[in-house]
Amino acid sequence: MRSTLLAPALLLAALATGCNSGNPVASSPTEPGPGPAVQFSVSVTANPPEVIAGTTEPTTLTVTVRRQDNQQSPADGTQVAVTVDQGSLGVANAEAPVRVLNLALAAGQARVSLFPGAQPGQATVLAQVGQSIGRLTVPFLETRPNTFFLTGVSPNEGTDLGGDLVSVRGAGFREPLRVSFGGVQARVVDVPSSAQIVVETPVPAQPVDIGTVRPVDVAVTNALTDAVPVTDTLVGGFTYRGGAEPPPPTPVFLTSVQPNTGPPEGGTTVALSGGGFSSPLRVTIGGKTAVVQSVSASRILARTPSSAAPVPAGSTLLADVTVVVALGSADEQTAMLPGGFTYDGGAAPDPVVVSALSPGQGPAAGGTLVTVTGSGFVSPVAVVLGGVRQGSEQVISATEIRFTTARVTVAACPAGGVQPAMGLTVTNLGSGISGTAPLVFNFQVPLPRVRRVSPTVGGQLGNTVVTIEGEGFEAPVRVAFAEGAQQFAGVVQGTVTSGQVRASSPAVPDSLFPEADCITIDNRPGKRYLPVTVDVVIENQGSGCSDTFPNAFTYNPTFPECRPTTPAP
């Protein structure tokens, strides 16, 4: 049977040297945090450039980042996000592959191992700094030996009663295949690799006289599904002994495992002590198959698999160690050492403590650089302020984090123009450990204030461009000309600044104007429209905050003449 090795994580981040293969990259302006935007060139290389699917031999990815304006490296500690769509980053874990990993650059480079998936194909690798992205494709190949041959049988003799487990050695073995001894087909028990077949010897075609031996040819027909299967033969490769009774199996037992502790990702080489060991055999730890490296009658060297269950930092997991010998035969035996190996998750991570933030206020539009002090900070981190994830989080040290505030949504104009965000949480993304403090950051919402309106007079038909001066204006704005409960919207003209808005006055109906008694030119009683003075209202539509400048604008009626109220005589 085949066993899969889950190798320990190989994560080489922020290395200072490496080669640049000149892979094509996509670059765009990025640089988190304040300051002028720059462009980066991001390249990704793989060494070796291709790996074999289903193995635990990784390729090393090297990410190189340079500024395009001066070809210099970004600041040490700059984060680069590496993602893959196949395989696993940093750890060979088939059950829970790592597909996204954040690395810190040092001298413009970072490295990480990419372990292949179980199936042939190709992995698309993306390395991103801000909006700049580098791409690389890594093939996962299906290997097939180009040559097929036999080299020997071990052991190369046995009883004519058959049933001996032997290993046929060579190269290029591919299932399905057929093995025969002296023309009699043997039962294939296992094909652990392309260089070994485990078979059970058949009873020979003719009995072997007591006290005599008979050599027979051993033949393997390879890859039976090929159009023309190939056969190789070892002449006299196995010898039958006549009339001998098979020796009784040696009892198998297990006494110790050294070392008996290792990391949950596996990969620890351990020595199993006991007796009755012989190939072929299987070693399991916690129910998962270990990779056997060597076997003697009293000692087995094996490499531990990954733990069957997650082992958080600060905890351990006991695993039973089992050895099964004489696989698939009537003499199969099992020995177990309960709790013989301990998976150790390592020291518990420090708690995350959030103590203070500074500054404690900034504009509601976001963009304020805030420093958080505390302890236990480990990159990468996520910062949540008032229930909203912030941006550009950067761990300066275990006691300091910096982030840039995100824009807040204002549902209604807050009193005094201050909208507090309550509570700050920092989470170490690697461990999932969080710390929260009841800190407050006051987001400042601009409050519009009208100081002057010019001109102050216009016609009933509107289209008078009015300049409104003041402070706290924030686009988009709404300008209205109001008389009591009636409001008429103006049309904002040009660019809105915090101190000035220009809008054209709207047309208003005759009903807005007050009327006065008068005498027409033909001496009849009548009515005439009088000018009306209205308020000007300006509202920042994003926040709902507004200000009213009373009696700011006067409309002159289009028809101010005296209109008769009685018919002509």
Protein backbone atom coordinates (compact mmCIF):
# COMPACT_ATOMS: atom_id res chain seq x y z
CA MET A 1 0.00 0.00 0.00
CA ARG A 2 1.10 3.55 -0.52
CA SER A 3 1.54 6.04 2.28
CA THR A 4 1.55 9.80 2.04
CA LEU A 5 4.11 11.89 3.91
CA LEU A 6 2.89 15.16 5.30
CA ALA A 7 6.21 17.00 5.63
CA PRO A 8 6.87 19.76 8.19
CA ALA A 9 6.30 23.31 7.13
CA LEU A 10 9.10 24.88 5.15
CA LEU A 11 8.54 28.62 5.36
CA LEU A 12 11.46 30.85 4.48
CA ALA A 13 10.14 34.38 4.61
CA ALA A 14 11.91 37.67 4.12
CA LEU A 15 15.21 36.30 2.72
CA ALA A 16 17.65 38.88 1.50
CA THR A 17 18.96 37.18 -1.63
CA GLY A 18 17.51 35.23 -4.57
CA CYS A 19 17.42 35.12 -8.33
CA ASN A 20 15.03 36.96 -10.56
CA SER A 21 13.92 35.02 -13.63
CA GLY A 22 12.22 37.97 -15.26
CA ASN A 23 8.74 36.50 -15.16
CA PRO A 24 6.08 38.81 -16.66
CA VAL A 25 4.33 40.76 -13.93
CA ALA A 26 1.35 43.08 -13.70
CA SER A 27 2.06 46.34 -11.88
CA SER A 28 -0.24 49.06 -10.70
CA PRO A 29 0.07 52.02 -8.33
CA THR A 30 0.06 50.79 -4.77
CA GLU A 31 1.52 51.72 -1.48
CA PRO A 32 -0.59 51.28 1.63
CA GLY A 33 -0.79 54.10 4.09
CA PRO A 34 -0.20 57.81 3.55
CA GLY A 35 2.29 59.19 1.10
CA PRO A 36 2.58 59.33 -2.68
CA ALA A 37 1.61 56.19 -4.58
CA VAL A 38 4.38 54.23 -6.30
CA GLN A 39 4.47 51.32 -8.71
CA PHE A 40 6.04 47.96 -7.96
CA SER A 41 7.40 45.17 -10.12
CA VAL A 42 6.53 41.81 -8.57
CA SER A 43 8.16 38.60 -9.86
CA VAL A 44 7.78 34.99 -8.73
CA THR A 45 10.24 32.15 -9.44
CA ALA A 46 10.15 28.46 -8.54
CA ASN A 47 13.11 26.18 -7.84
CA PRO A 48 12.73 23.56 -9.16
CA PRO A 49 10.35 24.92 -11.81
CA GLU A 50 8.14 21.79 -11.72
CA VAL A 51 7.31 19.11 -9.14
CA ILE A 52 5.86 15.61 -9.14
CA ALA A 53 2.20 15.28 -8.09
CA GLY A 54 1.49 13.12 -5.07
CA THR A 55 4.98 13.52 -3.56
CA THR A 56 6.17 15.52 -0.56
CA GLU A 57 9.06 17.19 -2.37
CA PRO A 58 8.21 20.89 -2.66
CA THR A 59 9.41 23.68 -4.88
CA THR A 60 10.67 26.90 -3.31
CA LEU A 61 8.83 30.05 -4.42
CA THR A 62 10.85 33.27 -4.35
CA VAL A 63 8.97 36.59 -4.51
CA THR A 64 11.03 39.64 -5.54
CA VAL A 65 9.58 43.18 -5.29
CA ARG A 66 11.16 46.38 -6.62
CA ARG A 67 9.95 49.94 -6.93
CA GLN A 68 9.59 50.85 -10.61
CA ASP A 69 10.69 54.45 -10.14
CA ASN A 70 14.13 53.69 -8.67
CA GLN A 71 14.47 49.86 -8.66
CA GLN A 72 14.93 49.93 -4.89
CA SER A 73 13.43 47.38 -2.49
CA PRO A 74 10.35 48.33 -0.45
CA ALA A 75 10.75 48.84 3.27
CA ASP A 76 11.57 45.69 5.24
CA GLY A 77 8.41 44.18 6.69
CA THR A 78 6.23 45.21 3.72
CA GLN A 79 3.53 42.54 3.40
CA VAL A 80 3.16 40.37 0.29
CA ALA A 81 0.13 38.07 -0.01
CA VAL A 82 0.86 34.76 -1.80
CA THR A 83 -2.08 32.66 -3.06
CA VAL A 84 -2.28 29.38 -4.99
CA ASP A 85 -5.21 27.47 -6.46
CA GLN A 86 -3.54 24.03 -6.17
CA GLY A 87 -1.18 22.45 -3.67
CA SER A 88 -0.34 23.85 -0.22
CA LEU A 89 1.90 26.72 0.95
CA GLY A 90 4.44 26.04 3.68
CA VAL A 91 3.01 22.71 4.86
CA ALA A 92 2.25 19.38 3.13
CA ASN A 93 -1.24 18.93 4.53
CA ALA A 94 -3.60 17.19 2.10
CA GLU A 95 -6.59 17.43 4.49
CA ALA A 96 -6.27 21.18 5.07
CA PRO A 97 -4.01 22.75 2.42
CA VAL A 98 -2.85 26.33 2.98
CA ARG A 99 -3.79 28.38 -0.08
CA VAL A 100 -3.24 31.95 1.21
CA LEU A 101 -0.19 33.15 3.14
CA ASN A 102 1.11 36.61 4.09
CA LEU A 103 4.90 37.04 4.03
CA ALA A 104 7.12 39.91 5.16
CA LEU A 105 9.70 41.21 2.69
CA ALA A 106 13.35 41.62 3.64
CA ALA A 107 15.65 43.31 1.13
CA GLY A 108 12.75 43.04 -1.31
CA GLN A 109 12.41 39.23 -1.13
CA ALA A 110 10.44 36.49 0.63
CA ARG A 111 10.34 32.72 0.17
CA VAL A 112 7.90 29.93 0.88
CA SER A 113 7.63 26.23 -0.05
CA LEU A 114 4.86 25.01 -2.38
CA PHE A 115 3.93 21.35 -1.88
CA PRO A 116 2.24 19.63 -4.87
CA GLY A 117 -1.29 18.30 -4.79
CA ALA A 118 -2.21 14.65 -5.24
CA GLN A 119 -3.36 15.07 -8.85
CA PRO A 120 -1.32 16.15 -11.89
CA GLY A 121 -2.09 19.64 -13.15
CA GLN A 122 -0.70 23.08 -12.58
CA ALA A 123 -0.81 25.66 -9.81
CA THR A 124 -1.32 29.35 -10.51
CA VAL A 125 0.71 31.41 -8.05
CA LEU A 126 -0.19 35.06 -7.38
CA ALA A 127 2.00 37.36 -5.27
CA GLN A 128 0.38 40.71 -4.42
CA VAL A 129 1.70 43.89 -2.81
CA GLY A 130 -1.22 46.27 -2.56
CA GLN A 131 -2.61 46.23 -6.12
CA SER A 132 0.63 45.06 -7.81
CA ILE A 133 0.55 41.37 -8.76
CA GLY A 134 3.13 38.84 -9.98
CA ARG A 135 2.06 35.54 -11.54
CA LEU A 136 3.68 32.16 -12.10
CA THR A 137 2.46 28.72 -13.19
CA VAL A 138 4.03 25.64 -11.56
CA PRO A 139 3.32 22.27 -13.27
CA PHE A 140 2.47 19.23 -11.11
CA LEU A 141 3.74 16.34 -13.25
CA GLU A 142 2.72 12.69 -13.37
CA THR A 143 5.96 10.69 -13.35
CA ARG A 144 6.35 7.40 -15.13
CA PRO A 145 9.66 5.54 -15.26
CA ASN A 146 11.09 5.27 -18.72
CA THR A 147 12.67 1.86 -17.98
CA PHE A 148 11.33 -1.39 -16.57
CA PHE A 149 13.50 -4.24 -15.30
CA LEU A 150 13.94 -6.76 -12.48
CA THR A 151 16.96 -6.91 -10.16
CA GLY A 152 16.16 -9.60 -7.60
CA VAL A 153 13.81 -11.33 -5.16
CA SER A 154 14.15 -11.06 -1.36
CA PRO A 155 14.10 -13.56 0.25
CA ASN A 156 14.97 -15.64 -2.81
CA GLU A 157 13.98 -19.05 -1.44
CA GLY A 158 11.06 -20.62 0.37
CA THR A 159 9.03 -23.78 0.98
CA ASP A 160 7.19 -25.61 -1.78
CA LEU A 161 4.06 -25.14 0.32
CA GLY A 162 3.93 -21.57 -1.04
CA GLY A 163 2.53 -18.64 0.94
CA ASP A 164 5.87 -16.92 1.59
CA LEU A 165 5.82 -13.13 1.38
CA VAL A 166 8.69 -11.91 -0.79
CA SER A 167 9.69 -8.61 -2.41
CA VAL A 168 10.40 -8.47 -6.12
CA ARG A 169 12.85 -5.60 -6.75
CA GLY A 170 13.51 -3.59 -9.89
CA ALA A 171 12.33 -0.37 -11.52
CA GLY A 172 9.46 1.01 -13.55
CA PHE A 173 6.67 -1.09 -11.99
CA ARG A 174 3.20 0.15 -12.94
CA GLU A 175 -0.11 -1.39 -11.91
CA PRO A 176 -1.95 -3.46 -12.92
CA LEU A 177 0.77 -6.10 -13.26
CA ARG A 178 1.20 -9.88 -13.08
CA VAL A 179 3.93 -11.91 -11.30
CA SER A 180 4.60 -15.62 -11.89
CA PHE A 181 6.98 -18.18 -10.31
CA GLY A 182 7.89 -20.99 -12.66
CA GLY A 183 4.88 -20.11 -14.77
CA VAL A 184 2.43 -20.17 -11.82
CA GLN A 185 0.79 -16.83 -11.07
CA ALA A 186 1.48 -15.35 -7.63
CA ARG A 187 -0.87 -13.19 -5.55
CA VAL A 188 0.21 -9.52 -5.57
CA VAL A 189 -0.13 -8.21 -2.02
CA ASP A 190 1.13 -4.64 -2.44
CA VAL A 191 3.05 -2.36 -4.80
CA PRO A 192 4.61 0.15 -2.37
CA SER A 193 6.60 1.90 -5.08
CA SER A 194 7.77 1.72 -8.67
CA ALA A 195 10.78 -0.28 -7.41
CA GLN A 196 9.08 -2.98 -5.27
CA ILE A 197 6.30 -5.56 -5.50
CA VAL A 198 5.22 -7.61 -2.48
CA VAL A 199 3.83 -11.02 -3.50
CA GLU A 200 2.81 -14.30 -1.91
CA THR A 201 4.62 -17.24 -3.51
CA PRO A 202 2.35 -19.82 -5.18
CA VAL A 203 2.62 -23.59 -4.81
CA PRO A 204 4.97 -24.76 -7.60
CA ALA A 205 3.56 -26.55 -10.65
CA GLN A 206 5.31 -29.79 -9.64
CA PRO A 207 6.11 -30.95 -6.06
CA VAL A 208 9.70 -30.69 -4.91
CA ASP A 209 11.23 -33.84 -3.41
CA ILE A 210 12.13 -33.77 0.27
CA GLY A 211 15.69 -32.60 0.79
CA THR A 212 15.99 -31.15 -2.70
CA VAL A 213 15.63 -27.68 -4.19
CA ARG A 214 14.26 -26.39 -7.47
CA PRO A 215 15.08 -22.96 -8.96
CA VAL A 216 12.27 -21.32 -10.97
CA ASP A 217 12.10 -18.25 -13.15
CA VAL A 218 10.36 -15.15 -11.78
CA ALA A 219 8.54 -13.10 -14.41
CA VAL A 220 6.72 -9.75 -14.16
CA THR A 221 4.40 -8.49 -16.87
CA ASN A 222 4.15 -4.74 -16.39
CA ALA A 223 1.28 -2.28 -17.01
CA LEU A 224 -1.29 -4.77 -18.25
CA THR A 225 -3.52 -1.99 -19.59
CA ASP A 226 -0.85 -0.81 -22.06
CA ALA A 227 -1.38 -1.72 -25.69
CA VAL A 228 1.68 -4.04 -25.59
CA PRO A 229 2.52 -4.99 -21.96
CA VAL A 230 6.23 -5.68 -21.37
CA THR A 231 7.58 -8.73 -19.48
CA ASP A 232 10.96 -9.12 -17.78
CA THR A 233 12.26 -12.40 -16.30
CA LEU A 234 14.77 -13.30 -13.59
CA VAL A 235 16.12 -16.72 -14.62
CA GLY A 236 16.27 -18.93 -11.50
CA GLY A 237 15.21 -15.93 -9.43
CA PHE A 238 13.53 -18.02 -6.71
CA THR A 239 14.30 -21.45 -5.23
CA TYR A 240 11.73 -23.82 -3.74
CA ARG A 241 12.84 -26.17 -0.88
CA GLY A 242 11.18 -29.56 -0.91
CA GLY A 243 9.29 -31.02 2.07
CA ALA A 244 10.19 -28.27 4.57
CA GLU A 245 7.61 -27.04 7.02
CA PRO A 246 7.38 -23.27 7.27
CA PRO A 247 8.88 -21.91 10.50
CA PRO A 248 6.38 -20.58 13.04
CA PRO A 249 6.03 -16.79 12.92
CA THR A 250 8.01 -14.82 15.46
CA PRO A 251 5.69 -13.00 17.88
CA VAL A 252 5.68 -9.24 17.22
CA PHE A 253 5.79 -6.78 20.12
CA LEU A 254 6.43 -3.08 20.62
CA THR A 255 8.18 -1.63 23.69
CA SER A 256 8.99 2.05 23.04
CA VAL A 257 9.10 4.95 20.60
CA GLN A 258 12.01 7.41 20.70
CA PRO A 259 11.63 10.32 20.54
CA ASN A 260 8.06 10.02 21.73
CA THR A 261 7.10 13.67 21.09
CA GLY A 262 6.92 15.74 17.90
CA PRO A 263 5.08 18.57 16.13
CA PRO A 264 1.55 18.06 14.79
CA GLU A 265 2.64 18.64 11.18
CA GLY A 266 4.60 15.37 11.35
CA GLY A 267 7.99 14.66 9.83
CA THR A 268 9.70 13.51 13.05
CA THR A 269 12.02 10.50 12.53
CA VAL A 270 11.33 8.00 15.34
CA ALA A 271 12.80 4.63 16.32
CA LEU A 272 10.30 1.89 17.27
CA SER A 273 11.85 -0.77 19.51
CA GLY A 274 10.47 -4.25 20.02
CA GLY A 275 10.73 -7.59 18.26
CA GLY A 276 9.35 -9.79 15.49
CA PHE A 277 9.62 -7.04 12.88
CA SER A 278 9.97 -8.03 9.23
CA SER A 279 9.07 -6.55 5.87
CA PRO A 280 6.52 -5.95 4.57
CA LEU A 281 4.92 -4.13 7.50
CA ARG A 282 2.85 -1.06 8.23
CA VAL A 283 3.29 1.53 10.99
CA THR A 284 0.42 3.81 12.00
CA ILE A 285 0.44 6.66 14.51
CA GLY A 286 -2.95 7.90 15.64
CA GLY A 287 -4.51 5.84 12.84
CA LYS A 288 -2.48 7.52 10.07
CA THR A 289 0.23 5.71 8.15
CA ALA A 290 3.86 6.62 8.83
CA VAL A 291 6.64 6.35 6.23
CA VAL A 292 8.89 3.39 7.06
CA GLN A 293 12.56 4.12 6.37
CA SER A 294 14.29 0.95 7.55
CA VAL A 295 13.42 -2.35 9.26
CA SER A 296 15.37 -4.85 11.37
CA ALA A 297 14.08 -7.64 13.60
CA SER A 298 14.06 -5.34 16.66
CA ARG A 299 14.02 -1.80 15.32
CA ILE A 300 12.01 0.26 12.84
CA LEU A 301 12.88 3.76 11.68
CA ALA A 302 9.84 5.70 10.51
CA ARG A 303 8.76 9.28 9.84
CA THR A 304 5.63 10.46 11.67
CA PRO A 305 2.54 11.54 9.73
CA SER A 306 0.64 14.69 10.62
CA SER A 307 -1.73 14.46 13.56
CA ALA A 308 -5.19 13.05 12.92
CA ALA A 309 -6.77 16.07 14.63
CA PRO A 310 -5.66 19.70 15.03
CA VAL A 311 -3.38 20.37 17.99
CA PRO A 312 -3.67 24.01 19.09
CA ALA A 313 -0.68 25.76 20.57
CA GLY A 314 -0.42 25.06 24.26
CA SER A 315 -2.01 21.59 24.00
CA THR A 316 -0.96 17.99 23.23
CA LEU A 317 -2.55 14.94 21.61
CA LEU A 318 -1.74 11.33 22.58
CA ALA A 319 -1.60 8.91 19.65
CA ASP A 320 -1.49 5.09 19.66
CA VAL A 321 1.43 3.53 17.75
CA THR A 322 0.64 0.32 15.84
CA VAL A 323 2.85 -2.08 13.88
CA VAL A 324 1.31 -4.69 11.53
CA VAL A 325 3.63 -7.37 10.10
CA ALA A 326 3.07 -10.12 7.49
CA LEU A 327 0.56 -7.89 5.71
CA GLY A 328 -2.32 -9.69 4.05
CA SER A 329 -1.20 -13.18 5.05
CA ALA A 330 -2.59 -15.77 7.45
CA ASP A 331 0.35 -14.92 9.75
CA GLU A 332 -0.50 -11.21 9.96
CA GLN A 333 0.24 -9.88 13.48
CA THR A 334 -0.36 -6.55 15.18
CA ALA A 335 1.40 -4.88 18.10
CA MET A 336 0.23 -1.61 19.66
CA LEU A 337 1.70 0.85 22.15
CA PRO A 338 -1.23 2.93 23.52
CA GLY A 339 -0.39 6.62 23.70
CA GLY A 340 3.10 5.81 22.47
CA PHE A 341 3.58 9.15 20.69
CA THR A 342 2.56 12.66 21.73
CA TYR A 343 1.84 15.46 19.25
CA ASP A 344 2.88 18.73 20.89
CA GLY A 345 1.31 21.96 19.66
CA GLY A 346 4.11 24.04 21.19
CA ALA A 347 3.95 26.81 23.71
CA ALA A 348 0.67 28.64 24.09
CA PRO A 349 0.80 32.01 22.37
CA ASP A 350 0.85 35.15 24.48
CA PRO A 351 -2.55 36.75 25.06
CA VAL A 352 -3.43 39.82 23.02
CA VAL A 353 -3.82 42.92 25.20
CA VAL A 354 -5.09 46.23 23.79
CA SER A 355 -4.20 49.23 25.98
CA ALA A 356 -4.59 52.52 24.11
CA LEU A 357 -4.93 54.21 20.74
CA SER A 358 -3.65 57.55 19.49
CA PRO A 359 -4.90 59.88 18.11
CA GLY A 360 -8.45 59.46 19.38
CA GLN A 361 -10.20 61.39 16.61
CA GLY A 362 -10.15 61.93 12.88
CA PRO A 363 -12.37 62.75 9.90
CA ALA A 364 -15.33 60.53 9.06
CA ALA A 365 -13.89 60.19 5.56
CA GLY A 366 -11.19 57.94 7.07
CA GLY A 367 -7.47 58.00 6.32
CA THR A 368 -6.24 58.77 9.85
CA LEU A 369 -3.04 56.88 10.80
CA VAL A 370 -3.70 55.44 14.29
CA THR A 371 -1.20 53.79 16.65
CA VAL A 372 -2.43 51.02 18.97
CA THR A 373 -0.33 50.04 21.99
CA GLY A 374 -0.62 46.83 23.97
CA SER A 375 1.13 43.45 23.93
CA GLY A 376 1.10 40.06 22.22
CA PHE A 377 0.79 41.43 18.67
CA VAL A 378 1.98 38.98 15.97
CA SER A 379 1.80 39.73 12.23
CA PRO A 380 -0.52 39.43 10.36
CA VAL A 381 -3.27 41.10 12.37
CA ALA A 382 -6.80 42.36 11.81
CA VAL A 383 -8.04 45.51 13.53
CA VAL A 384 -11.78 46.10 14.06
CA LEU A 385 -12.88 49.52 15.32
CA GLY A 386 -16.51 50.01 16.27
CA GLY A 387 -17.41 46.79 14.46
CA VAL A 388 -15.72 47.85 11.18
CA ARG A 389 -12.55 46.24 9.80
CA GLN A 390 -9.86 48.87 9.32
CA GLY A 391 -7.17 49.00 6.63
CA SER A 392 -3.40 48.75 6.16
CA GLU A 393 -2.76 47.07 9.51
CA GLN A 394 0.97 46.85 10.22
CA VAL A 395 2.68 45.27 13.23
CA ILE A 396 5.56 47.50 14.29
CA SER A 397 6.46 45.35 17.30
CA ALA A 398 4.84 43.00 19.79
CA THR A 399 3.57 46.13 21.60
CA GLU A 400 2.63 48.45 18.72
CA ILE A 401 0.32 48.33 15.69
CA ARG A 402 -0.53 51.00 13.15
CA PHE A 403 -3.62 51.11 10.95
CA THR A 404 -5.48 53.55 8.74
CA THR A 405 -9.09 54.35 9.63
CA ALA A 406 -11.78 53.33 7.17
CA ARG A 407 -14.53 55.69 6.06
CA VAL A 408 -17.60 55.52 8.32
CA THR A 409 -21.22 55.50 7.28
CA VAL A 410 -23.29 58.23 8.93
CA ALA A 411 -26.97 57.34 9.23
CA ALA A 412 -28.02 60.71 10.66
CA CYS A 413 -26.25 63.94 11.48
CA PRO A 414 -24.59 63.35 14.88
CA ALA A 415 -24.85 65.85 17.68
CA GLY A 416 -21.94 68.25 17.61
CA GLY A 417 -20.62 66.60 14.45
CA VAL A 418 -18.99 63.75 16.39
CA GLN A 419 -19.79 60.08 15.74
CA PRO A 420 -17.99 57.83 18.25
CA ALA A 421 -16.78 54.32 17.32
CA MET A 422 -16.87 52.14 20.43
CA GLY A 423 -14.54 49.21 21.08
CA LEU A 424 -11.27 48.15 19.41
CA THR A 425 -10.33 44.50 18.73
CA VAL A 426 -6.96 43.17 17.53
CA THR A 427 -6.79 39.58 16.20
CA ASN A 428 -3.57 37.68 15.44
CA LEU A 429 -4.67 35.96 12.22
CA GLY A 430 -2.12 33.16 12.55
CA SER A 431 -3.43 31.93 15.91
CA GLY A 432 -6.93 33.43 15.93
CA ILE A 433 -6.31 34.96 19.37
CA SER A 434 -7.98 38.33 19.94
CA GLY A 435 -7.87 41.13 22.46
CA THR A 436 -10.53 43.81 22.93
CA ALA A 437 -10.60 47.10 24.83
CA PRO A 438 -13.48 49.61 25.32
CA LEU A 439 -11.59 52.35 23.51
CA VAL A 440 -13.35 55.17 21.65
CA PHE A 441 -12.37 56.88 18.41
CA ASN A 442 -14.37 60.02 17.58
CA PHE A 443 -15.09 60.40 13.87
CA GLN A 444 -15.59 64.08 13.03
CA VAL A 445 -18.47 64.78 10.67
CA PRO A 446 -18.32 68.17 8.89
CA LEU A 447 -21.11 70.53 9.98
CA PRO A 448 -22.00 73.03 7.23
CA ARG A 449 -22.19 76.69 8.27
CA VAL A 450 -23.39 79.40 5.84
CA ARG A 451 -21.73 82.78 6.38
CA ARG A 452 -22.66 84.74 3.25
CA VAL A 453 -24.92 84.43 0.16
CA SER A 454 -24.26 86.52 -2.95
CA PRO A 455 -26.08 87.90 -4.88
CA THR A 456 -29.12 88.24 -2.65
CA VAL A 457 -31.70 89.10 -5.32
CA GLY A 458 -32.98 87.25 -8.37
CA GLY A 459 -35.93 86.80 -10.65
CA GLN A 460 -38.94 84.52 -10.26
CA LEU A 461 -37.83 82.36 -13.21
CA GLY A 462 -34.61 81.36 -11.41
CA ASN A 463 -31.21 80.68 -13.04
CA THR A 464 -29.47 83.25 -10.85
CA VAL A 465 -26.08 81.73 -9.93
CA VAL A 466 -25.70 82.22 -6.19
CA THR A 467 -22.38 81.81 -4.35
CA ILE A 468 -22.74 80.38 -0.83
CA GLU A 469 -19.73 80.93 1.39
CA GLY A 470 -19.04 79.34 4.74
CA GLU A 471 -17.38 76.18 6.05
CA GLY A 472 -17.90 72.43 6.48
CA PHE A 473 -19.37 71.85 3.02
CA GLU A 474 -18.88 68.25 1.79
CA ALA A 475 -19.99 66.92 -1.58
CA PRO A 476 -22.56 65.87 -2.51
CA VAL A 477 -24.56 68.80 -1.24
CA ARG A 478 -28.18 69.87 -1.67
CA VAL A 479 -29.11 73.55 -1.90
CA ALA A 480 -32.72 74.61 -1.34
CA PHE A 481 -34.53 77.95 -1.33
CA ALA A 482 -37.20 77.75 1.39
CA GLU A 483 -40.25 79.73 2.45
CA GLY A 484 -41.83 78.16 5.50
CA ALA A 485 -42.50 74.49 4.76
CA GLN A 486 -42.00 74.97 1.02
CA GLN A 487 -38.55 74.15 -0.37
CA PHE A 488 -37.34 74.53 -3.95
CA ALA A 489 -34.11 72.77 -4.95
CA GLY A 490 -31.37 74.69 -6.68
CA VAL A 491 -28.88 73.15 -9.10
CA VAL A 492 -25.32 72.87 -7.80
CA GLN A 493 -22.78 74.32 -10.22
CA GLY A 494 -19.10 73.35 -10.56
CA THR A 495 -16.90 71.89 -7.83
CA VAL A 496 -17.90 71.93 -4.18
CA THR A 497 -15.19 72.98 -1.72
CA SER A 498 -15.35 73.01 2.06
CA GLY A 499 -15.78 76.79 1.99
CA GLN A 500 -17.84 77.51 -1.12
CA VAL A 501 -20.80 76.16 -3.10
CA ARG A 502 -22.30 77.68 -6.23
CA ALA A 503 -25.91 76.94 -7.19
CA SER A 504 -28.44 78.35 -9.59
CA SER A 505 -31.72 79.52 -8.06
CA PRO A 506 -34.84 77.54 -8.97
CA ALA A 507 -38.00 79.02 -10.47
CA VAL A 508 -40.82 79.61 -7.96
CA PRO A 509 -44.61 79.76 -8.49
CA ASP A 510 -46.79 82.89 -8.25
CA SER A 511 -48.39 81.46 -5.12
CA LEU A 512 -45.15 82.03 -3.21
CA PHE A 513 -45.40 85.83 -3.52
CA PRO A 514 -47.45 87.96 -1.10
CA GLU A 515 -50.01 90.32 -2.67
CA ALA A 516 -50.96 93.93 -1.99
CA ASP A 517 -54.01 96.03 -2.90
CA CYS A 518 -53.54 98.49 -5.73
CA ILE A 519 -55.38 100.71 -8.28
CA THR A 520 -54.95 99.96 -11.95
CA ILE A 521 -54.11 102.64 -14.48
CA ASP A 522 -57.76 102.67 -15.52
CA ASN A 523 -58.72 103.39 -11.89
CA ARG A 524 -60.01 99.93 -10.96
CA PRO A 525 -59.20 98.05 -7.72
CA GLY A 526 -56.61 95.32 -8.13
CA LYS A 527 -53.81 93.17 -6.66
CA ARG A 528 -50.07 93.06 -7.31
CA TYR A 529 -47.30 90.62 -6.37
CA LEU A 530 -44.67 91.76 -3.88
CA PRO A 531 -41.05 90.51 -3.67
CA VAL A 532 -40.58 87.55 -1.30
CA THR A 533 -37.49 86.84 0.81
CA VAL A 534 -36.60 83.16 1.37
CA ASP A 535 -34.11 81.17 3.42
CA VAL A 536 -31.21 79.31 1.82
CA VAL A 537 -30.66 75.74 3.15
CA ILE A 538 -27.53 73.69 2.44
CA GLU A 539 -27.25 69.99 3.34
CA ASN A 540 -24.28 67.59 3.21
CA GLN A 541 -26.17 64.64 1.78
CA GLY A 542 -23.66 62.01 2.97
CA SER A 543 -24.28 62.84 6.64
CA GLY A 544 -27.62 64.66 6.57
CA CYS A 545 -26.06 67.64 8.37
CA SER A 546 -27.49 70.99 7.21
CA ASP A 547 -27.57 74.73 7.93
CA THR A 548 -30.16 77.41 7.17
CA PHE A 549 -29.28 81.02 6.35
CA PRO A 550 -32.49 82.99 7.04
CA ASN A 551 -33.77 85.70 4.72
CA ALA A 552 -30.82 85.11 2.42
CA PHE A 553 -32.38 85.65 -1.01
CA THR A 554 -35.17 87.80 -2.42
CA TYR A 555 -37.25 86.80 -5.42
CA ASN A 556 -38.70 89.57 -7.56
CA PRO A 557 -41.99 88.61 -9.26
CA THR A 558 -42.03 88.41 -13.02
CA PHE A 559 -45.30 90.41 -13.20
CA PRO A 560 -45.24 93.11 -10.48
CA GLU A 561 -47.93 95.25 -12.19
CA CYS A 562 -51.35 95.86 -10.66
CA ARG A 563 -53.88 93.29 -11.86
CA PRO A 564 -57.60 94.31 -11.83
CA THR A 565 -59.82 92.27 -9.56
CA THR A 566 -63.11 93.51 -11.13
CA PRO A 567 -64.24 93.22 -14.74
CA ALA A 568 -63.84 96.21 -17.01
CA PRO A 569 -67.00 98.38 -17.28
